[in-house]
């Protein structure tokens, strides 16, 4: 850390961003800021509803509250800096600021990937072993699951942050991205990064493919359990419960695997920036909408809250 602080006075990076000041890009920037605002409001509202409504104090909604918290932090990690740079015309970011941005971003993406895997396991236990669900998914187990997802995500973030910021950057300081992302920074290092590329790939395989394999295995067992259900209504309810999570998984893992598991020779900055907007801004906005609009309990909690506000305003 002392080395980083000594370098802040002379070192820094230039973030090219994703928007120019053309008329079209001004419209796109406005759209991104609207999406950012909806993501903030949606996740804060979902957290509030889960906190105040006793009917939502179950393992599924506990994990959902953790997902909303991660999405809330993820959307705040990069978008405000991008907006400030665009509006002010300044595109610089300090060396330490870049490292902090990498640490937060990687930690949150890693934690969310693991949490989505654990949420799939929760759905598997609820559908395949309903009688044992209160024991298998007790409060203690849920806290351990959520804590482990945060811990492994933070560890991944620290490893990548320290490794990336320890590389020498003696040439161009222009990062072709709207935030400090590790693959974009590696292109600027004036040393052989093959060892770091291997480390980065190993971290991504562990943090993405391990939980993804849990998701695939969980839903294979869920599908088998659903097919053996005698009641059509029970099958419909089980599938409806899982559809929201499957949508969130598809959005998150599709974008993350496209960014981090592609061979380096197939990467293009324009593609990476567009996909990064998708899973750093759009996905955090869509998750609360997906889980709320398809969930009668969440919508019931929202209506109950609105009724309380209406009654309170009348008095």
C-alpha atoms as a PDB file:
ATOM      1  CA  UNK A   1       0.000   0.000   0.000  1.00  0.00           C
ATOM      2  CA  UNK A   2       2.906   2.359   0.751  1.00  0.00           C
ATOM      3  CA  UNK A   3       4.252   1.793  -2.766  1.00  0.00           C
ATOM      4  CA  UNK A   4       0.841   2.646  -4.197  1.00  0.00           C
ATOM      5  CA  UNK A   5       0.609   5.864  -2.169  1.00  0.00           C
ATOM      6  CA  UNK A   6       4.078   6.915  -3.314  1.00  0.00           C
ATOM      7  CA  UNK A   7       3.014   6.487  -6.924  1.00  0.00           C
ATOM      8  CA  UNK A   8      -0.226   8.496  -6.743  1.00  0.00           C
ATOM      9  CA  UNK A   9       1.509  11.844  -7.186  1.00  0.00           C
ATOM     10  CA  UNK A  10       2.983  10.891 -10.563  1.00  0.00           C
ATOM     11  CA  UNK A  11       0.911   7.981 -11.737  1.00  0.00           C
ATOM     12  CA  UNK A  12      -2.642   7.535 -12.857  1.00  0.00           C
ATOM     13  CA  UNK A  13      -4.700   6.308 -15.776  1.00  0.00           C
ATOM     14  CA  UNK A  14      -6.906   7.863 -18.422  1.00  0.00           C
ATOM     15  CA  UNK A  15     -10.285   6.168 -18.871  1.00  0.00           C
ATOM     16  CA  UNK A  16     -11.474   6.618 -22.452  1.00  0.00           C
ATOM     17  CA  UNK A  17     -15.043   5.885 -21.377  1.00  0.00           C
ATOM     18  CA  UNK A  18     -17.828   4.527 -23.536  1.00  0.00           C
ATOM     19  CA  UNK A  19     -19.547   7.738 -24.683  1.00  0.00           C
ATOM     20  CA  UNK A  20     -18.434  10.681 -26.787  1.00  0.00           C
ATOM     21  CA  UNK A  21     -20.316  14.000 -26.759  1.00  0.00           C
ATOM     22  CA  UNK A  22     -22.287  13.290 -29.928  1.00  0.00           C
ATOM     23  CA  UNK A  23     -26.069  13.650 -29.894  1.00  0.00           C
ATOM     24  CA  UNK A  24     -26.570   9.882 -30.012  1.00  0.00           C
ATOM     25  CA  UNK A  25     -24.162   9.235 -27.152  1.00  0.00           C
ATOM     26  CA  UNK A  26     -25.820  11.947 -25.047  1.00  0.00           C
ATOM     27  CA  UNK A  27     -29.105  10.073 -25.433  1.00  0.00           C
ATOM     28  CA  UNK A  28     -27.406   6.753 -24.559  1.00  0.00           C
ATOM     29  CA  UNK A  29     -25.762   8.335 -21.516  1.00  0.00           C
ATOM     30  CA  UNK A  30     -29.172   9.596 -20.363  1.00  0.00           C
ATOM     31  CA  UNK A  31     -30.608   6.095 -20.789  1.00  0.00           C
ATOM     32  CA  UNK A  32     -27.768   4.594 -18.725  1.00  0.00           C
ATOM     33  CA  UNK A  33     -28.374   7.128 -15.957  1.00  0.00           C
ATOM     34  CA  UNK A  34     -32.108   6.325 -15.925  1.00  0.00           C
ATOM     35  CA  UNK A  35     -31.275   2.609 -15.703  1.00  0.00           C
ATOM     36  CA  UNK A  36     -28.794   3.397 -12.905  1.00  0.00           C
ATOM     37  CA  UNK A  37     -31.476   5.309 -10.975  1.00  0.00           C
ATOM     38  CA  UNK A  38     -34.024   2.501 -11.426  1.00  0.00           C
ATOM     39  CA  UNK A  39     -31.414  -0.033 -10.255  1.00  0.00           C
ATOM     40  CA  UNK A  40     -30.732   2.009  -7.120  1.00  0.00           C
ATOM     41  CA  UNK A  41     -34.408   2.499  -6.290  1.00  0.00           C
ATOM     42  CA  UNK A  42     -35.405  -1.081  -7.143  1.00  0.00           C
ATOM     43  CA  UNK A  43     -32.748  -2.735  -5.008  1.00  0.00           C
ATOM     44  CA  UNK A  44     -33.254  -0.357  -2.063  1.00  0.00           C
ATOM     45  CA  UNK A  45     -37.016  -0.981  -2.208  1.00  0.00           C
ATOM     46  CA  UNK A  46     -36.560  -4.762  -2.363  1.00  0.00           C
ATOM     47  CA  UNK A  47     -34.183  -4.687   0.614  1.00  0.00           C
ATOM     48  CA  UNK A  48     -36.681  -2.559   2.541  1.00  0.00           C
ATOM     49  CA  UNK A  49     -39.623  -4.873   1.776  1.00  0.00           C
ATOM     50  CA  UNK A  50     -37.681  -7.979   2.808  1.00  0.00           C
ATOM     51  CA  UNK A  51     -36.630  -6.264   6.034  1.00  0.00           C
ATOM     52  CA  UNK A  52     -40.069  -5.022   7.132  1.00  0.00           C
ATOM     53  CA  UNK A  53     -42.334  -7.914   6.062  1.00  0.00           C
ATOM     54  CA  UNK A  54     -42.173 -10.996   8.342  1.00  0.00           C
ATOM     55  CA  UNK A  55     -43.568 -13.189   5.531  1.00  0.00           C
ATOM     56  CA  UNK A  56     -40.335 -12.583   3.616  1.00  0.00           C
ATOM     57  CA  UNK A  57     -38.069 -13.695   6.463  1.00  0.00           C
ATOM     58  CA  UNK A  58     -37.264 -17.021   4.799  1.00  0.00           C
ATOM     59  CA  UNK A  59     -33.992 -18.436   3.364  1.00  0.00           C
ATOM     60  CA  UNK A  60     -34.990 -17.631  -0.223  1.00  0.00           C
ATOM     61  CA  UNK A  61     -35.624 -13.972   0.555  1.00  0.00           C
ATOM     62  CA  UNK A  62     -32.551 -13.757   2.776  1.00  0.00           C
ATOM     63  CA  UNK A  63     -30.419 -14.769  -0.219  1.00  0.00           C
ATOM     64  CA  UNK A  64     -32.405 -12.382  -2.398  1.00  0.00           C
ATOM     65  CA  UNK A  65     -31.631  -9.543   0.024  1.00  0.00           C
ATOM     66  CA  UNK A  66     -27.925 -10.376  -0.254  1.00  0.00           C
ATOM     67  CA  UNK A  67     -28.214 -10.348  -4.055  1.00  0.00           C
ATOM     68  CA  UNK A  68     -29.881  -6.925  -3.937  1.00  0.00           C
ATOM     69  CA  UNK A  69     -27.158  -5.610  -1.638  1.00  0.00           C
ATOM     70  CA  UNK A  70     -24.469  -6.860  -4.029  1.00  0.00           C
ATOM     71  CA  UNK A  71     -26.274  -5.354  -7.025  1.00  0.00           C
ATOM     72  CA  UNK A  72     -26.640  -2.065  -5.182  1.00  0.00           C
ATOM     73  CA  UNK A  73     -22.913  -1.935  -4.426  1.00  0.00           C
ATOM     74  CA  UNK A  74     -21.970  -3.144  -7.914  1.00  0.00           C
ATOM     75  CA  UNK A  75     -23.936  -0.435  -9.695  1.00  0.00           C
ATOM     76  CA  UNK A  76     -22.353   2.194  -7.398  1.00  0.00           C
ATOM     77  CA  UNK A  77     -18.801   0.911  -7.891  1.00  0.00           C
ATOM     78  CA  UNK A  78     -18.267   2.213 -11.432  1.00  0.00           C
ATOM     79  CA  UNK A  79     -21.211   4.214 -12.786  1.00  0.00           C
ATOM     80  CA  UNK A  80     -20.833   7.359 -10.605  1.00  0.00           C
ATOM     81  CA  UNK A  81     -17.163   7.736 -11.624  1.00  0.00           C
ATOM     82  CA  UNK A  82     -18.081   7.183 -15.269  1.00  0.00           C
ATOM     83  CA  UNK A  83     -20.816   9.841 -15.029  1.00  0.00           C
ATOM     84  CA  UNK A  84     -18.505  12.365 -13.304  1.00  0.00           C
ATOM     85  CA  UNK A  85     -15.810  11.869 -15.950  1.00  0.00           C
ATOM     86  CA  UNK A  86     -18.319  12.269 -18.782  1.00  0.00           C
ATOM     87  CA  UNK A  87     -19.998  15.390 -17.367  1.00  0.00           C
ATOM     88  CA  UNK A  88     -16.790  17.109 -16.253  1.00  0.00           C
ATOM     89  CA  UNK A  89     -14.706  16.201 -19.293  1.00  0.00           C
ATOM     90  CA  UNK A  90     -11.945  14.827 -17.042  1.00  0.00           C
ATOM     91  CA  UNK A  91     -11.076  11.214 -17.762  1.00  0.00           C
ATOM     92  CA  UNK A  92      -8.342  10.612 -15.198  1.00  0.00           C
ATOM     93  CA  UNK A  93      -8.328   8.196 -12.293  1.00  0.00           C
ATOM     94  CA  UNK A  94      -5.578   7.910  -9.692  1.00  0.00           C
ATOM     95  CA  UNK A  95      -3.457   4.793  -9.297  1.00  0.00           C
ATOM     96  CA  UNK A  96      -4.962   4.006  -5.875  1.00  0.00           C
ATOM     97  CA  UNK A  97      -8.459   4.856  -7.139  1.00  0.00           C
ATOM     98  CA  UNK A  98      -8.005   2.381  -9.968  1.00  0.00           C
ATOM     99  CA  UNK A  99      -6.876  -0.318  -7.558  1.00  0.00           C
ATOM    100  CA  UNK A 100      -9.847   0.285  -5.260  1.00  0.00           C
ATOM    101  CA  UNK A 101     -12.218   0.133  -8.216  1.00  0.00           C
ATOM    102  CA  UNK A 102     -10.729  -3.212  -9.300  1.00  0.00           C
ATOM    103  CA  UNK A 103     -10.995  -4.606  -5.764  1.00  0.00           C
ATOM    104  CA  UNK A 104     -14.637  -3.602  -5.322  1.00  0.00           C
ATOM    105  CA  UNK A 105     -15.712  -4.708  -8.786  1.00  0.00           C
ATOM    106  CA  UNK A 106     -14.031  -8.133  -8.751  1.00  0.00           C
ATOM    107  CA  UNK A 107     -15.166  -8.819  -5.173  1.00  0.00           C
ATOM    108  CA  UNK A 108     -18.800  -8.041  -5.968  1.00  0.00           C
ATOM    109  CA  UNK A 109     -18.888  -9.960  -9.255  1.00  0.00           C
ATOM    110  CA  UNK A 110     -17.251 -12.983  -7.608  1.00  0.00           C
ATOM    111  CA  UNK A 111     -19.570 -12.850  -4.588  1.00  0.00           C
ATOM    112  CA  UNK A 112     -22.656 -12.561  -6.782  1.00  0.00           C
ATOM    113  CA  UNK A 113     -21.621 -15.502  -8.933  1.00  0.00           C
ATOM    114  CA  UNK A 114     -21.174 -17.713  -5.872  1.00  0.00           C
ATOM    115  CA  UNK A 115     -24.422 -16.490  -4.314  1.00  0.00           C
ATOM    116  CA  UNK A 116     -26.399 -17.379  -7.444  1.00  0.00           C
ATOM    117  CA  UNK A 117     -25.028 -20.909  -7.173  1.00  0.00           C
ATOM    118  CA  UNK A 118     -26.078 -21.153  -3.522  1.00  0.00           C
ATOM    119  CA  UNK A 119     -29.534 -19.794  -4.392  1.00  0.00           C
ATOM    120  CA  UNK A 120     -29.917 -22.633  -6.909  1.00  0.00           C
ATOM    121  CA  UNK A 121     -29.036 -25.136  -4.173  1.00  0.00           C
ATOM    122  CA  UNK A 122     -31.646 -23.495  -1.921  1.00  0.00           C
ATOM    123  CA  UNK A 123     -34.313 -24.008  -4.602  1.00  0.00           C
ATOM    124  CA  UNK A 124     -33.202 -27.634  -5.034  1.00  0.00           C
ATOM    125  CA  UNK A 125     -33.597 -28.346  -1.301  1.00  0.00           C
ATOM    126  CA  UNK A 126     -36.977 -26.538  -1.172  1.00  0.00           C
ATOM    127  CA  UNK A 127     -38.434 -28.533  -4.081  1.00  0.00           C
ATOM    128  CA  UNK A 128     -36.728 -31.921  -3.742  1.00  0.00           C
ATOM    129  CA  UNK A 129     -36.622 -32.148   0.096  1.00  0.00           C
ATOM    130  CA  UNK A 130     -39.437 -29.917   1.392  1.00  0.00           C
ATOM    131  CA  UNK A 131     -39.823 -31.778   4.703  1.00  0.00           C
ATOM    132  CA  UNK A 132     -36.142 -31.375   5.570  1.00  0.00           C
ATOM    133  CA  UNK A 133     -35.916 -27.805   4.244  1.00  0.00           C
ATOM    134  CA  UNK A 134     -36.133 -26.025   7.650  1.00  0.00           C
ATOM    135  CA  UNK A 135     -33.236 -28.154   8.938  1.00  0.00           C
ATOM    136  CA  UNK A 136     -31.038 -28.187   5.825  1.00  0.00           C
ATOM    137  CA  UNK A 137     -31.484 -24.441   5.278  1.00  0.00           C
ATOM    138  CA  UNK A 138     -31.519 -23.212   8.867  1.00  0.00           C
ATOM    139  CA  UNK A 139     -30.598 -19.644   9.750  1.00  0.00           C
ATOM    140  CA  UNK A 140     -27.092 -20.759  10.714  1.00  0.00           C
ATOM    141  CA  UNK A 141     -26.582 -22.528   7.384  1.00  0.00           C
ATOM    142  CA  UNK A 142     -27.896 -19.527   5.435  1.00  0.00           C
ATOM    143  CA  UNK A 143     -25.513 -17.178   7.260  1.00  0.00           C
ATOM    144  CA  UNK A 144     -22.593 -19.507   6.518  1.00  0.00           C
ATOM    145  CA  UNK A 145     -23.564 -19.712   2.832  1.00  0.00           C
ATOM    146  CA  UNK A 146     -23.904 -15.949   2.475  1.00  0.00           C
ATOM    147  CA  UNK A 147     -20.710 -15.324   4.467  1.00  0.00           C
ATOM    148  CA  UNK A 148     -18.726 -17.757   2.320  1.00  0.00           C
ATOM    149  CA  UNK A 149     -19.894 -16.082  -0.897  1.00  0.00           C
ATOM    150  CA  UNK A 150     -18.808 -12.682   0.435  1.00  0.00           C
ATOM    151  CA  UNK A 151     -15.502 -14.063   1.784  1.00  0.00           C
ATOM    152  CA  UNK A 152     -14.442 -15.855  -1.412  1.00  0.00           C
ATOM    153  CA  UNK A 153     -15.493 -12.869  -3.521  1.00  0.00           C
ATOM    154  CA  UNK A 154     -13.470 -10.440  -1.381  1.00  0.00           C
ATOM    155  CA  UNK A 155     -10.460 -12.787  -1.431  1.00  0.00           C
ATOM    156  CA  UNK A 156     -10.658 -12.974  -5.232  1.00  0.00           C
ATOM    157  CA  UNK A 157     -10.897  -9.178  -5.408  1.00  0.00           C
ATOM    158  CA  UNK A 158      -7.864  -8.666  -3.166  1.00  0.00           C
ATOM    159  CA  UNK A 159      -5.758 -11.178  -5.128  1.00  0.00           C
ATOM    160  CA  UNK A 160      -6.547  -9.602  -8.490  1.00  0.00           C
ATOM    161  CA  UNK A 161      -6.209  -6.050  -7.182  1.00  0.00           C
ATOM    162  CA  UNK A 162      -2.771  -6.639  -5.622  1.00  0.00           C
ATOM    163  CA  UNK A 163      -1.507  -8.592  -8.631  1.00  0.00           C
ATOM    164  CA  UNK A 164      -2.754  -6.067 -11.215  1.00  0.00           C
ATOM    165  CA  UNK A 165      -1.492  -2.992  -9.366  1.00  0.00           C
ATOM    166  CA  UNK A 166       1.919  -4.605  -8.742  1.00  0.00           C
ATOM    167  CA  UNK A 167       2.650  -4.737 -12.477  1.00  0.00           C
ATOM    168  CA  UNK A 168       4.836  -1.998 -13.982  1.00  0.00           C
ATOM    169  CA  UNK A 169       2.999   0.453 -16.250  1.00  0.00           C
ATOM    170  CA  UNK A 170       5.722   2.425 -17.986  1.00  0.00           C
ATOM    171  CA  UNK A 171       4.132   3.102 -21.350  1.00  0.00           C
ATOM    172  CA  UNK A 172       0.684   4.345 -22.295  1.00  0.00           C
ATOM    173  CA  UNK A 173      -1.731   5.069 -19.434  1.00  0.00           C
ATOM    174  CA  UNK A 174      -4.842   5.133 -21.634  1.00  0.00           C
ATOM    175  CA  UNK A 175      -7.370   2.469 -20.561  1.00  0.00           C
ATOM    176  CA  UNK A 176      -9.849   1.690 -23.327  1.00  0.00           C
ATOM    177  CA  UNK A 177     -12.746   1.219 -20.932  1.00  0.00           C
ATOM    178  CA  UNK A 178     -15.083   3.242 -18.704  1.00  0.00           C
ATOM    179  CA  UNK A 179     -13.658   1.761 -15.489  1.00  0.00           C
ATOM    180  CA  UNK A 180     -10.501  -0.026 -14.348  1.00  0.00           C
ATOM    181  CA  UNK A 181     -11.001  -3.619 -15.423  1.00  0.00           C
ATOM    182  CA  UNK A 182      -8.145  -6.093 -15.139  1.00  0.00           C
ATOM    183  CA  UNK A 183      -8.099  -7.370 -18.775  1.00  0.00           C
ATOM    184  CA  UNK A 184      -7.995  -3.774 -20.063  1.00  0.00           C
ATOM    185  CA  UNK A 185      -5.124  -2.869 -17.701  1.00  0.00           C
ATOM    186  CA  UNK A 186      -3.045  -5.909 -18.664  1.00  0.00           C
ATOM    187  CA  UNK A 187      -2.689  -4.501 -22.184  1.00  0.00           C
ATOM    188  CA  UNK A 188      -0.773  -1.533 -20.730  1.00  0.00           C
ATOM    189  CA  UNK A 189       1.737  -3.496 -18.641  1.00  0.00           C
ATOM    190  CA  UNK A 190       5.317  -3.275 -19.907  1.00  0.00           C
ATOM    191  CA  UNK A 191       6.228  -6.776 -18.786  1.00  0.00           C
ATOM    192  CA  UNK A 192       5.256 -10.342 -19.595  1.00  0.00           C
ATOM    193  CA  UNK A 193       1.784 -10.928 -18.148  1.00  0.00           C
ATOM    194  CA  UNK A 194       1.422 -14.607 -19.110  1.00  0.00           C
ATOM    195  CA  UNK A 195       1.681 -15.709 -15.461  1.00  0.00           C
ATOM    196  CA  UNK A 196      -0.954 -13.183 -14.417  1.00  0.00           C
ATOM    197  CA  UNK A 197      -3.173 -14.230 -17.354  1.00  0.00           C
ATOM    198  CA  UNK A 198      -3.005 -17.794 -16.022  1.00  0.00           C
ATOM    199  CA  UNK A 199      -3.842 -16.601 -12.481  1.00  0.00           C
ATOM    200  CA  UNK A 200      -6.739 -14.490 -13.767  1.00  0.00           C
ATOM    201  CA  UNK A 201      -8.121 -17.383 -15.806  1.00  0.00           C
ATOM    202  CA  UNK A 202      -7.840 -19.766 -12.816  1.00  0.00           C
ATOM    203  CA  UNK A 203      -9.696 -17.285 -10.577  1.00  0.00           C
ATOM    204  CA  UNK A 204     -12.423 -16.859 -13.205  1.00  0.00           C
ATOM    205  CA  UNK A 205     -12.804 -20.612 -13.695  1.00  0.00           C
ATOM    206  CA  UNK A 206     -13.195 -21.125  -9.941  1.00  0.00           C
ATOM    207  CA  UNK A 207     -15.483 -18.127  -9.337  1.00  0.00           C
ATOM    208  CA  UNK A 208     -17.704 -18.727 -12.403  1.00  0.00           C
ATOM    209  CA  UNK A 209     -17.613 -22.384 -13.423  1.00  0.00           C
ATOM    210  CA  UNK A 210     -17.787 -23.833  -9.886  1.00  0.00           C
ATOM    211  CA  UNK A 211     -21.059 -22.097  -8.939  1.00  0.00           C
ATOM    212  CA  UNK A 212     -22.350 -22.595 -12.486  1.00  0.00           C
ATOM    213  CA  UNK A 213     -21.812 -26.361 -12.121  1.00  0.00           C
ATOM    214  CA  UNK A 214     -23.760 -26.220  -8.827  1.00  0.00           C
ATOM    215  CA  UNK A 215     -26.578 -24.421 -10.676  1.00  0.00           C
ATOM    216  CA  UNK A 216     -26.657 -26.999 -13.485  1.00  0.00           C
ATOM    217  CA  UNK A 217     -26.632 -29.938 -11.035  1.00  0.00           C
ATOM    218  CA  UNK A 218     -29.312 -28.330  -8.831  1.00  0.00           C
ATOM    219  CA  UNK A 219     -31.665 -27.658 -11.709  1.00  0.00           C
ATOM    220  CA  UNK A 220     -31.132 -31.129 -13.158  1.00  0.00           C
ATOM    221  CA  UNK A 221     -32.399 -32.555  -9.852  1.00  0.00           C
ATOM    222  CA  UNK A 222     -35.178 -29.941  -9.693  1.00  0.00           C
ATOM    223  CA  UNK A 223     -36.372 -30.882 -13.182  1.00  0.00           C
ATOM    224  CA  UNK A 224     -36.413 -34.551 -12.252  1.00  0.00           C
ATOM    225  CA  UNK A 225     -38.388 -33.793  -9.083  1.00  0.00           C
ATOM    226  CA  UNK A 226     -40.876 -31.611 -10.974  1.00  0.00           C
ATOM    227  CA  UNK A 227     -41.474 -34.297 -13.606  1.00  0.00           C
ATOM    228  CA  UNK A 228     -42.365 -36.758 -10.838  1.00  0.00           C
ATOM    229  CA  UNK A 229     -44.928 -34.411  -9.244  1.00  0.00           C
ATOM    230  CA  UNK A 230     -48.494 -35.666  -9.569  1.00  0.00           C
ATOM    231  CA  UNK A 231     -50.181 -32.272  -9.366  1.00  0.00           C
ATOM    232  CA  UNK A 232     -50.033 -29.931 -12.356  1.00  0.00           C
ATOM    233  CA  UNK A 233     -50.520 -26.975  -9.999  1.00  0.00           C
ATOM    234  CA  UNK A 234     -47.526 -28.071  -7.904  1.00  0.00           C
ATOM    235  CA  UNK A 235     -45.396 -28.359 -11.060  1.00  0.00           C
ATOM    236  CA  UNK A 236     -46.463 -24.903 -12.181  1.00  0.00           C
ATOM    237  CA  UNK A 237     -45.679 -23.364  -8.776  1.00  0.00           C
ATOM    238  CA  UNK A 238     -42.254 -25.038  -8.652  1.00  0.00           C
ATOM    239  CA  UNK A 239     -41.318 -23.847 -12.136  1.00  0.00           C
ATOM    240  CA  UNK A 240     -42.570 -20.327 -11.404  1.00  0.00           C
ATOM    241  CA  UNK A 241     -40.404 -20.196  -8.280  1.00  0.00           C
ATOM    242  CA  UNK A 242     -37.312 -21.144 -10.288  1.00  0.00           C
ATOM    243  CA  UNK A 243     -37.946 -19.059 -13.414  1.00  0.00           C
ATOM    244  CA  UNK A 244     -36.863 -15.778 -11.805  1.00  0.00           C
ATOM    245  CA  UNK A 245     -33.597 -17.264 -10.598  1.00  0.00           C
ATOM    246  CA  UNK A 246     -32.888 -18.884 -13.973  1.00  0.00           C
ATOM    247  CA  UNK A 247     -33.408 -15.537 -15.696  1.00  0.00           C
ATOM    248  CA  UNK A 248     -30.973 -13.824 -13.297  1.00  0.00           C
ATOM    249  CA  UNK A 249     -28.432 -16.629 -13.799  1.00  0.00           C
ATOM    250  CA  UNK A 250     -28.671 -16.369 -17.594  1.00  0.00           C
ATOM    251  CA  UNK A 251     -28.149 -12.594 -17.551  1.00  0.00           C
ATOM    252  CA  UNK A 252     -25.206 -12.676 -15.146  1.00  0.00           C
ATOM    253  CA  UNK A 253     -23.299 -15.742 -16.333  1.00  0.00           C
ATOM    254  CA  UNK A 254     -23.854 -15.077 -20.034  1.00  0.00           C
ATOM    255  CA  UNK A 255     -22.181 -11.662 -19.764  1.00  0.00           C
ATOM    256  CA  UNK A 256     -19.471 -12.673 -17.258  1.00  0.00           C
ATOM    257  CA  UNK A 257     -18.364 -15.737 -19.234  1.00  0.00           C
ATOM    258  CA  UNK A 258     -18.295 -13.693 -22.443  1.00  0.00           C
ATOM    259  CA  UNK A 259     -15.920 -11.205 -20.810  1.00  0.00           C
ATOM    260  CA  UNK A 260     -13.614 -13.445 -18.770  1.00  0.00           C
ATOM    261  CA  UNK A 261     -13.552 -16.897 -20.371  1.00  0.00           C
ATOM    262  CA  UNK A 262     -12.910 -15.889 -23.993  1.00  0.00           C
ATOM    263  CA  UNK A 263      -9.415 -16.393 -25.430  1.00  0.00           C
ATOM    264  CA  UNK A 264      -7.488 -13.112 -25.397  1.00  0.00           C
ATOM    265  CA  UNK A 265      -7.156 -12.986 -29.195  1.00  0.00           C
ATOM    266  CA  UNK A 266     -10.948 -12.779 -29.570  1.00  0.00           C
ATOM    267  CA  UNK A 267     -11.363  -9.786 -27.260  1.00  0.00           C
ATOM    268  CA  UNK A 268     -12.316  -6.376 -28.629  1.00  0.00           C
ATOM    269  CA  UNK A 269     -12.587  -3.246 -26.428  1.00  0.00           C
ATOM    270  CA  UNK A 270     -15.893  -2.174 -27.984  1.00  0.00           C
ATOM    271  CA  UNK A 271     -17.474  -5.563 -27.238  1.00  0.00           C
ATOM    272  CA  UNK A 272     -16.087  -5.658 -23.689  1.00  0.00           C
ATOM    273  CA  UNK A 273     -17.386  -2.168 -22.883  1.00  0.00           C
ATOM    274  CA  UNK A 274     -20.875  -2.908 -24.222  1.00  0.00           C
ATOM    275  CA  UNK A 275     -21.152  -6.201 -22.304  1.00  0.00           C
ATOM    276  CA  UNK A 276     -19.743  -4.558 -19.154  1.00  0.00           C
ATOM    277  CA  UNK A 277     -22.552  -1.984 -19.268  1.00  0.00           C
ATOM    278  CA  UNK A 278     -24.958  -4.907 -19.516  1.00  0.00           C
ATOM    279  CA  UNK A 279     -23.892  -6.678 -16.321  1.00  0.00           C
ATOM    280  CA  UNK A 280     -22.748  -3.670 -14.278  1.00  0.00           C
ATOM    281  CA  UNK A 281     -25.859  -1.534 -14.884  1.00  0.00           C
ATOM    282  CA  UNK A 282     -28.625  -3.402 -16.697  1.00  0.00           C
ATOM    283  CA  UNK A 283     -28.518  -6.661 -14.725  1.00  0.00           C
ATOM    284  CA  UNK A 284     -28.653  -4.913 -11.303  1.00  0.00           C
ATOM    285  CA  UNK A 285     -31.725  -3.051 -12.583  1.00  0.00           C
ATOM    286  CA  UNK A 286     -33.442  -6.152 -13.968  1.00  0.00           C
ATOM    287  CA  UNK A 287     -32.876  -8.444 -10.964  1.00  0.00           C
ATOM    288  CA  UNK A 288     -35.287  -6.677  -8.540  1.00  0.00           C
ATOM    289  CA  UNK A 289     -37.864  -6.326 -11.336  1.00  0.00           C
ATOM    290  CA  UNK A 290     -37.581 -10.012 -12.274  1.00  0.00           C
ATOM    291  CA  UNK A 291     -37.919 -11.219  -8.688  1.00  0.00           C
ATOM    292  CA  UNK A 292     -40.671  -8.737  -7.784  1.00  0.00           C
ATOM    293  CA  UNK A 293     -42.998  -8.837 -10.771  1.00  0.00           C
ATOM    294  CA  UNK A 294     -43.078 -12.643 -10.844  1.00  0.00           C
ATOM    295  CA  UNK A 295     -43.417 -13.058  -7.094  1.00  0.00           C
ATOM    296  CA  UNK A 296     -46.806 -12.739  -5.419  1.00  0.00           C
ATOM    297  CA  UNK A 297     -45.306 -12.495  -1.919  1.00  0.00           C
ATOM    298  CA  UNK A 298     -43.061  -9.547  -2.840  1.00  0.00           C
ATOM    299  CA  UNK A 299     -45.913  -7.807  -4.674  1.00  0.00           C
ATOM    300  CA  UNK A 300     -48.142  -8.460  -1.650  1.00  0.00           C
ATOM    301  CA  UNK A 301     -45.546  -6.859   0.631  1.00  0.00           C
ATOM    302  CA  UNK A 302     -45.359  -3.869  -1.714  1.00  0.00           C
ATOM    303  CA  UNK A 303     -49.148  -3.426  -1.732  1.00  0.00           C
ATOM    304  CA  UNK A 304     -49.210  -3.730   2.053  1.00  0.00           C
ATOM    305  CA  UNK A 305     -46.535  -1.056   2.334  1.00  0.00           C
ATOM    306  CA  UNK A 306     -48.379   1.276  -0.028  1.00  0.00           C
ATOM    307  CA  UNK A 307     -51.598   0.777   1.946  1.00  0.00           C
ATOM    308  CA  UNK A 308     -49.798   1.724   5.164  1.00  0.00           C
ATOM    309  CA  UNK A 309     -48.422   4.853   3.509  1.00  0.00           C
ATOM    310  CA  UNK A 310     -51.881   5.771   2.178  1.00  0.00           C
ATOM    311  CA  UNK A 311     -53.517   5.299   5.574  1.00  0.00           C
ATOM    312  CA  UNK A 312     -50.738   7.280   7.247  1.00  0.00           C
ATOM    313  CA  UNK A 313     -51.169  10.183   4.802  1.00  0.00           C
ATOM    314  CA  UNK A 314     -54.915  10.297   5.510  1.00  0.00           C
ATOM    315  CA  UNK A 315     -54.253  10.733   9.222  1.00  0.00           C
END
